[in-house]
């Protein structure tokens, strides 16, 4: 894998997408910040257009948001499906997540 993408949330006050590229020429990460998980499908499609071979989403992406990304990726990469997934947290972390995200 030479290029992969990670989508995370910036917060509702974000007005533009943020893109940061880090890593090395042999393994490049394109980190894309979006205002909300609802913007994830567009960001995922953009990542695939940029050559991402794998897409990960931050833990703020719930099942419906993950399904939206999956649908977008299945349309945009029908010939060569792009693996995608989301960061998850164990149940014992629920209190901390609720404190952060409500």
N, C-alpha and C. Protein backbone atom coordinates (compact mmCIF):
# COMPACT_ATOMS: atom_id res chain seq x y z
N UNK A 1 0.85 -1.18 0.00
CA UNK A 1 0.00 0.00 0.00
C UNK A 1 0.89 1.24 0.00
N UNK A 2 0.65 2.09 -0.95
CA UNK A 2 1.45 3.32 -1.06
C UNK A 2 0.71 4.55 -0.57
N UNK A 3 -0.63 4.54 -0.66
CA UNK A 3 -1.40 5.73 -0.26
C UNK A 3 -2.70 5.29 0.39
N UNK A 4 -3.00 5.90 1.54
CA UNK A 4 -4.26 5.60 2.22
C UNK A 4 -4.82 6.88 2.81
N UNK A 5 -6.11 6.84 3.16
CA UNK A 5 -6.77 8.03 3.66
C UNK A 5 -7.44 7.81 5.00
N UNK A 6 -7.50 8.87 5.77
CA UNK A 6 -8.18 8.86 7.06
C UNK A 6 -9.09 10.08 7.10
N UNK A 7 -10.37 9.86 7.41
CA UNK A 7 -11.34 10.95 7.48
C UNK A 7 -11.71 11.18 8.93
N UNK A 8 -11.63 12.42 9.37
CA UNK A 8 -11.97 12.78 10.74
C UNK A 8 -12.84 14.02 10.75
N UNK A 9 -13.44 14.31 11.90
CA UNK A 9 -14.33 15.47 11.99
C UNK A 9 -13.58 16.67 12.57
N UNK A 10 -13.84 17.82 11.97
CA UNK A 10 -13.26 19.08 12.44
C UNK A 10 -14.19 19.78 13.42
N UNK A 11 -15.47 19.59 13.26
CA UNK A 11 -16.46 20.27 14.08
C UNK A 11 -17.41 21.06 13.20
N UNK A 12 -18.59 21.30 13.74
CA UNK A 12 -19.65 21.94 12.98
C UNK A 12 -19.30 23.35 12.51
N UNK A 13 -18.35 24.00 13.17
CA UNK A 13 -17.99 25.37 12.78
C UNK A 13 -17.03 25.40 11.59
N UNK A 14 -16.57 24.24 11.13
CA UNK A 14 -15.65 24.19 9.98
C UNK A 14 -16.41 24.56 8.71
N UNK A 15 -15.81 25.39 7.91
CA UNK A 15 -16.46 25.80 6.66
C UNK A 15 -15.81 25.19 5.43
N UNK A 16 -14.61 24.67 5.58
CA UNK A 16 -13.92 24.06 4.46
C UNK A 16 -13.29 22.74 4.89
N UNK A 17 -13.05 21.89 3.94
CA UNK A 17 -12.36 20.63 4.18
C UNK A 17 -10.89 20.92 4.43
N UNK A 18 -10.29 20.18 5.34
CA UNK A 18 -8.85 20.31 5.58
C UNK A 18 -8.16 19.05 5.08
N UNK A 19 -7.06 19.22 4.37
CA UNK A 19 -6.30 18.09 3.86
C UNK A 19 -4.85 18.24 4.29
N UNK A 20 -4.32 17.19 4.90
CA UNK A 20 -2.91 17.14 5.29
C UNK A 20 -2.32 15.85 4.76
N UNK A 21 -1.15 15.93 4.17
CA UNK A 21 -0.46 14.75 3.66
C UNK A 21 0.79 14.55 4.49
N UNK A 22 0.92 13.35 5.05
CA UNK A 22 2.10 13.04 5.86
C UNK A 22 2.61 11.65 5.48
N UNK A 23 3.78 11.33 5.94
CA UNK A 23 4.37 10.02 5.66
C UNK A 23 5.59 10.16 4.78
N UNK A 24 5.73 9.19 3.89
CA UNK A 24 6.87 9.17 2.99
C UNK A 24 6.38 8.78 1.60
N UNK A 25 7.24 8.91 0.60
CA UNK A 25 6.81 8.53 -0.76
C UNK A 25 6.37 7.07 -0.86
N UNK A 26 6.85 6.22 0.02
CA UNK A 26 6.46 4.80 -0.06
C UNK A 26 5.23 4.47 0.77
N UNK A 27 4.82 5.35 1.66
CA UNK A 27 3.58 5.16 2.43
C UNK A 27 3.05 6.51 2.86
N UNK A 28 2.10 7.01 2.10
CA UNK A 28 1.57 8.36 2.28
C UNK A 28 0.17 8.30 2.88
N UNK A 29 -0.04 9.09 3.91
CA UNK A 29 -1.36 9.23 4.53
C UNK A 29 -1.94 10.58 4.14
N UNK A 30 -3.16 10.53 3.62
CA UNK A 30 -3.89 11.77 3.34
C UNK A 30 -4.98 11.86 4.41
N UNK A 31 -4.83 12.80 5.32
CA UNK A 31 -5.81 13.02 6.39
C UNK A 31 -6.77 14.11 5.94
N UNK A 32 -8.07 13.80 5.97
CA UNK A 32 -9.08 14.74 5.51
C UNK A 32 -10.01 15.07 6.67
N UNK A 33 -10.06 16.33 7.04
CA UNK A 33 -10.98 16.79 8.06
C UNK A 33 -12.24 17.34 7.43
N UNK A 34 -13.40 16.91 7.94
CA UNK A 34 -14.69 17.37 7.43
C UNK A 34 -15.50 17.95 8.58
N UNK A 35 -16.50 18.76 8.25
CA UNK A 35 -17.32 19.40 9.28
C UNK A 35 -18.11 18.39 10.09
N UNK A 36 -18.63 17.36 9.43
CA UNK A 36 -19.43 16.36 10.13
C UNK A 36 -19.31 15.02 9.41
N UNK A 37 -19.66 13.92 10.08
CA UNK A 37 -19.62 12.62 9.42
C UNK A 37 -20.49 12.54 8.17
N UNK A 38 -21.50 13.40 8.08
CA UNK A 38 -22.35 13.42 6.88
C UNK A 38 -21.55 13.79 5.62
N UNK A 39 -20.41 14.42 5.80
CA UNK A 39 -19.55 14.80 4.68
C UNK A 39 -18.55 13.71 4.30
N UNK A 40 -18.63 12.60 4.98
CA UNK A 40 -17.64 11.53 4.78
C UNK A 40 -17.68 10.88 3.42
N UNK A 41 -18.85 10.69 2.85
CA UNK A 41 -18.94 10.02 1.54
C UNK A 41 -18.22 10.82 0.47
N UNK A 42 -18.42 12.14 0.47
CA UNK A 42 -17.72 12.98 -0.51
C UNK A 42 -16.21 12.94 -0.30
N UNK A 43 -15.79 12.97 0.96
CA UNK A 43 -14.36 12.92 1.26
C UNK A 43 -13.77 11.58 0.84
N UNK A 44 -14.49 10.50 1.06
CA UNK A 44 -13.99 9.18 0.68
C UNK A 44 -13.84 9.05 -0.82
N UNK A 45 -14.81 9.54 -1.55
CA UNK A 45 -14.74 9.51 -3.01
C UNK A 45 -13.55 10.33 -3.50
N UNK A 46 -13.35 11.49 -2.90
CA UNK A 46 -12.21 12.33 -3.26
C UNK A 46 -10.90 11.60 -2.98
N UNK A 47 -10.82 10.92 -1.83
CA UNK A 47 -9.60 10.18 -1.50
C UNK A 47 -9.30 9.11 -2.55
N UNK A 48 -10.31 8.39 -2.97
CA UNK A 48 -10.11 7.36 -4.01
C UNK A 48 -9.65 8.01 -5.31
N UNK A 49 -10.22 9.16 -5.64
CA UNK A 49 -9.79 9.89 -6.83
C UNK A 49 -8.32 10.30 -6.73
N UNK A 50 -7.83 10.50 -5.51
CA UNK A 50 -6.44 10.88 -5.28
C UNK A 50 -5.52 9.66 -5.22
N UNK A 51 -6.08 8.47 -5.37
CA UNK A 51 -5.27 7.26 -5.38
C UNK A 51 -5.23 6.49 -4.08
N UNK A 52 -6.08 6.83 -3.10
CA UNK A 52 -6.10 6.09 -1.84
C UNK A 52 -6.50 4.64 -2.09
N UNK A 53 -5.75 3.75 -1.50
CA UNK A 53 -6.00 2.31 -1.65
C UNK A 53 -6.77 1.74 -0.46
N UNK A 54 -6.96 2.55 0.57
CA UNK A 54 -7.66 2.15 1.78
C UNK A 54 -8.20 3.43 2.42
N UNK A 55 -9.40 3.35 3.01
CA UNK A 55 -10.00 4.52 3.67
C UNK A 55 -10.44 4.12 5.07
N UNK A 56 -10.01 4.91 6.05
CA UNK A 56 -10.45 4.72 7.44
C UNK A 56 -11.19 5.96 7.89
N UNK A 57 -12.15 5.76 8.81
CA UNK A 57 -12.93 6.85 9.38
C UNK A 57 -12.71 6.90 10.88
N UNK A 58 -12.79 8.10 11.45
CA UNK A 58 -12.63 8.24 12.89
C UNK A 58 -13.85 7.68 13.61
N UNK A 59 -13.75 7.56 14.92
CA UNK A 59 -14.80 6.98 15.72
C UNK A 59 -16.10 7.76 15.75
N UNK A 60 -16.11 8.99 15.25
CA UNK A 60 -17.34 9.78 15.21
C UNK A 60 -18.30 9.29 14.14
N UNK A 61 -17.84 8.44 13.24
CA UNK A 61 -18.69 7.93 12.16
C UNK A 61 -19.51 6.76 12.67
N UNK A 62 -20.81 6.97 12.78
CA UNK A 62 -21.71 5.92 13.22
C UNK A 62 -22.06 4.98 12.08
N UNK A 63 -22.91 3.99 12.36
CA UNK A 63 -23.26 3.00 11.34
C UNK A 63 -23.86 3.61 10.06
N UNK A 64 -24.73 4.59 10.19
CA UNK A 64 -25.34 5.19 9.00
C UNK A 64 -24.29 5.94 8.17
N UNK A 65 -23.38 6.65 8.85
CA UNK A 65 -22.32 7.37 8.14
C UNK A 65 -21.37 6.39 7.46
N UNK A 66 -21.04 5.30 8.14
CA UNK A 66 -20.18 4.27 7.54
C UNK A 66 -20.84 3.65 6.32
N UNK A 67 -22.14 3.42 6.41
CA UNK A 67 -22.88 2.84 5.27
C UNK A 67 -22.88 3.80 4.09
N UNK A 68 -22.99 5.09 4.36
CA UNK A 68 -22.96 6.10 3.29
C UNK A 68 -21.60 6.10 2.59
N UNK A 69 -20.54 6.01 3.37
CA UNK A 69 -19.19 5.94 2.79
C UNK A 69 -19.04 4.66 1.98
N UNK A 70 -19.52 3.54 2.52
CA UNK A 70 -19.43 2.26 1.81
C UNK A 70 -20.16 2.32 0.46
N UNK A 71 -21.33 2.91 0.45
CA UNK A 71 -22.10 3.03 -0.79
C UNK A 71 -21.36 3.90 -1.80
N UNK A 72 -20.80 5.02 -1.34
CA UNK A 72 -20.07 5.91 -2.24
C UNK A 72 -18.84 5.22 -2.81
N UNK A 73 -18.14 4.47 -1.97
CA UNK A 73 -16.94 3.79 -2.45
C UNK A 73 -17.28 2.65 -3.39
N UNK A 74 -18.40 1.98 -3.17
CA UNK A 74 -18.76 0.89 -4.08
C UNK A 74 -19.11 1.43 -5.46
N UNK A 75 -19.63 2.65 -5.52
CA UNK A 75 -19.93 3.27 -6.81
C UNK A 75 -18.67 3.79 -7.48
N UNK A 76 -17.78 4.41 -6.70
CA UNK A 76 -16.62 5.06 -7.29
C UNK A 76 -15.49 4.09 -7.63
N UNK A 77 -15.47 2.95 -7.00
CA UNK A 77 -14.37 2.00 -7.23
C UNK A 77 -14.92 0.61 -7.55
N UNK A 78 -15.92 0.57 -8.41
CA UNK A 78 -16.59 -0.70 -8.71
C UNK A 78 -15.63 -1.75 -9.26
N UNK A 79 -14.68 -1.34 -10.08
CA UNK A 79 -13.75 -2.30 -10.66
C UNK A 79 -12.71 -2.78 -9.65
N UNK A 80 -12.28 -1.89 -8.77
CA UNK A 80 -11.27 -2.21 -7.77
C UNK A 80 -11.75 -1.70 -6.42
N UNK A 81 -12.52 -2.52 -5.70
CA UNK A 81 -13.07 -2.06 -4.41
C UNK A 81 -11.97 -1.60 -3.45
N UNK A 82 -12.24 -0.52 -2.78
CA UNK A 82 -11.31 0.04 -1.81
C UNK A 82 -11.75 -0.39 -0.42
N UNK A 83 -10.88 -1.09 0.32
CA UNK A 83 -11.24 -1.46 1.69
C UNK A 83 -11.48 -0.21 2.53
N UNK A 84 -12.45 -0.28 3.42
CA UNK A 84 -12.78 0.86 4.28
C UNK A 84 -13.24 0.34 5.63
N UNK A 85 -13.04 1.16 6.64
CA UNK A 85 -13.44 0.78 7.99
C UNK A 85 -13.42 1.99 8.89
N UNK A 86 -13.76 1.75 10.15
CA UNK A 86 -13.83 2.85 11.11
C UNK A 86 -13.16 2.44 12.42
N UNK A 87 -12.61 3.42 13.08
CA UNK A 87 -12.03 3.23 14.41
C UNK A 87 -13.18 2.91 15.37
N UNK A 88 -12.99 1.94 16.22
CA UNK A 88 -14.01 1.62 17.23
C UNK A 88 -13.38 1.67 18.61
N UNK A 89 -14.24 1.75 19.61
CA UNK A 89 -13.80 1.82 20.99
C UNK A 89 -14.48 0.71 21.78
N UNK A 90 -13.79 0.12 22.74
CA UNK A 90 -14.44 -0.90 23.57
C UNK A 90 -15.49 -0.26 24.49
N UNK A 91 -16.42 -1.07 24.93
CA UNK A 91 -17.53 -0.59 25.76
C UNK A 91 -17.08 0.17 27.00
N UNK A 92 -15.96 -0.23 27.59
CA UNK A 92 -15.53 0.44 28.82
C UNK A 92 -15.08 1.88 28.60
N UNK A 93 -15.03 2.32 27.35
CA UNK A 93 -14.67 3.69 27.04
C UNK A 93 -15.88 4.60 26.81
N UNK A 94 -17.08 4.06 26.95
CA UNK A 94 -18.31 4.80 26.66
C UNK A 94 -18.43 6.08 27.48
N UNK A 95 -18.12 6.04 28.74
CA UNK A 95 -18.26 7.23 29.60
C UNK A 95 -17.38 8.37 29.09
N UNK A 96 -16.16 8.08 28.73
CA UNK A 96 -15.27 9.10 28.23
C UNK A 96 -15.72 9.67 26.90
N UNK A 97 -16.26 8.80 26.04
CA UNK A 97 -16.76 9.27 24.76
C UNK A 97 -17.99 10.15 24.94
N UNK A 98 -18.87 9.77 25.86
CA UNK A 98 -20.06 10.59 26.12
C UNK A 98 -19.64 11.94 26.69
N UNK A 99 -18.61 11.98 27.51
CA UNK A 99 -18.13 13.24 28.06
C UNK A 99 -17.62 14.15 26.94
N UNK A 100 -16.95 13.57 25.96
CA UNK A 100 -16.40 14.36 24.86
C UNK A 100 -17.43 14.77 23.81
N UNK A 101 -18.32 13.84 23.48
CA UNK A 101 -19.22 14.07 22.35
C UNK A 101 -20.68 14.20 22.71
N UNK A 102 -21.01 14.05 23.99
CA UNK A 102 -22.39 14.20 24.43
C UNK A 102 -23.31 13.06 24.22
